[in-house]
Every structure is written in C-alpha cells, then in structure tokens.
Amino acid sequence: MNGQMTMKTVAVLAAMAAGTYTFTSFSQDYVRAMKSNHPDVSTALITGTAYASADDLSFITTAKNLGCSQVSPAVGTCKEWIDAAKAEGLRVALWMCEDISTWTTCRAKGADTVTSNNPITLYAAATNYMHALEVQGVGWSGQRYFTNDLPWRIDSVLEGPEGLGKW
C-alpha cells in the first residue's frame, strides 16, 4: 500500500463521523492496513464470487481473520452461505443490486445490505414496494455508492443527519 493512498484514506476518515461508514475493498492488504491504522473502523472484504453453496467458507474465514465486520459477495450468493456468514457474526452486503427484483431476492436471502450503481432509482422502487406491502420503508447509508441498509426504514433517511437528503 503506497503512502499516497494512506494519506487519502486518513483525510477521508477525518471528514467522516465515526460509525457512519464501512471501509470496503477487494484487497486484503488494504483492509489489513486500515485495521492496523484504525482498529475501530468497520471494514468489509469484497469478492466478485457468487457462492452457490455453503461448502466453501474460506472467504468468511479470511474476512474474520482480517477483523472485518462485513463480507460482500455477489448477488447470486445462496441463503445458506449468507446464514453461515451471519452465524460467524458478519453482516452481509450483496452487490450489485440494480433493480427491485434483485433487491427483493437479496432481502429474502437475509442480506443485511445491498450495493447499487443506481441507488436513487432502487430507493424509489423499494419505497413503492414497501408501501405496497404496508411495511415501514427503506433506509440508506453511505458506502461506495449508497447501501440499502436493513431493516429498510425510511424514517432514518428523512430525519437522520446521515440520511439520503444530505447527498
């Protein structure tokens, strides 16, 4: 990890309130460096793999060993794998979630969050979906783009200082 990346990361951390973000990376080295410099920061290890079964839990083990609080596999990951990660105390963020159909599937599998390149569109669709079910809304928290943060509460978006309105 080069010094310039570290300085940029430090500058970003200084500008963000504690507990309002999760540092995510595909790189174990970056996650390790972040945890060594900022042990209290929430971190997540990302993979492009969609786990079709809970037979291979090595990614979960790696994330735990790095001190991550979250794993981020691809949206095709099965419920059993998600359950195994949660049993180890990890939150699960599935990505990329670009439409309401994928969002409802991720929610049904037990994902804690989803990541999207189209958060505003997804937010509107999810809000309409939740209203149709007469359930209380959708919440958002910032990550690389935005993250659809369960338990799907709209009030945290509209009233909280870290809500979507500030973006």
Foldseek 3Di string as FASTA:
>chain_A
DDPVVVVVVVVVVVVDDPPQEEAEDCDLVVLLVCCVVPVRHAYEHEDAAAAPALPDLVVLVSCVVSVHQEYEYELNHALRNCVVSVVVRHAYEHDDDEAQVSVVSCVVSPHQKYHYPDVVRRQVVQQVVCVVVVHAAWFWGDYPHIITGPPGHPCCQPPPPRHPVVD
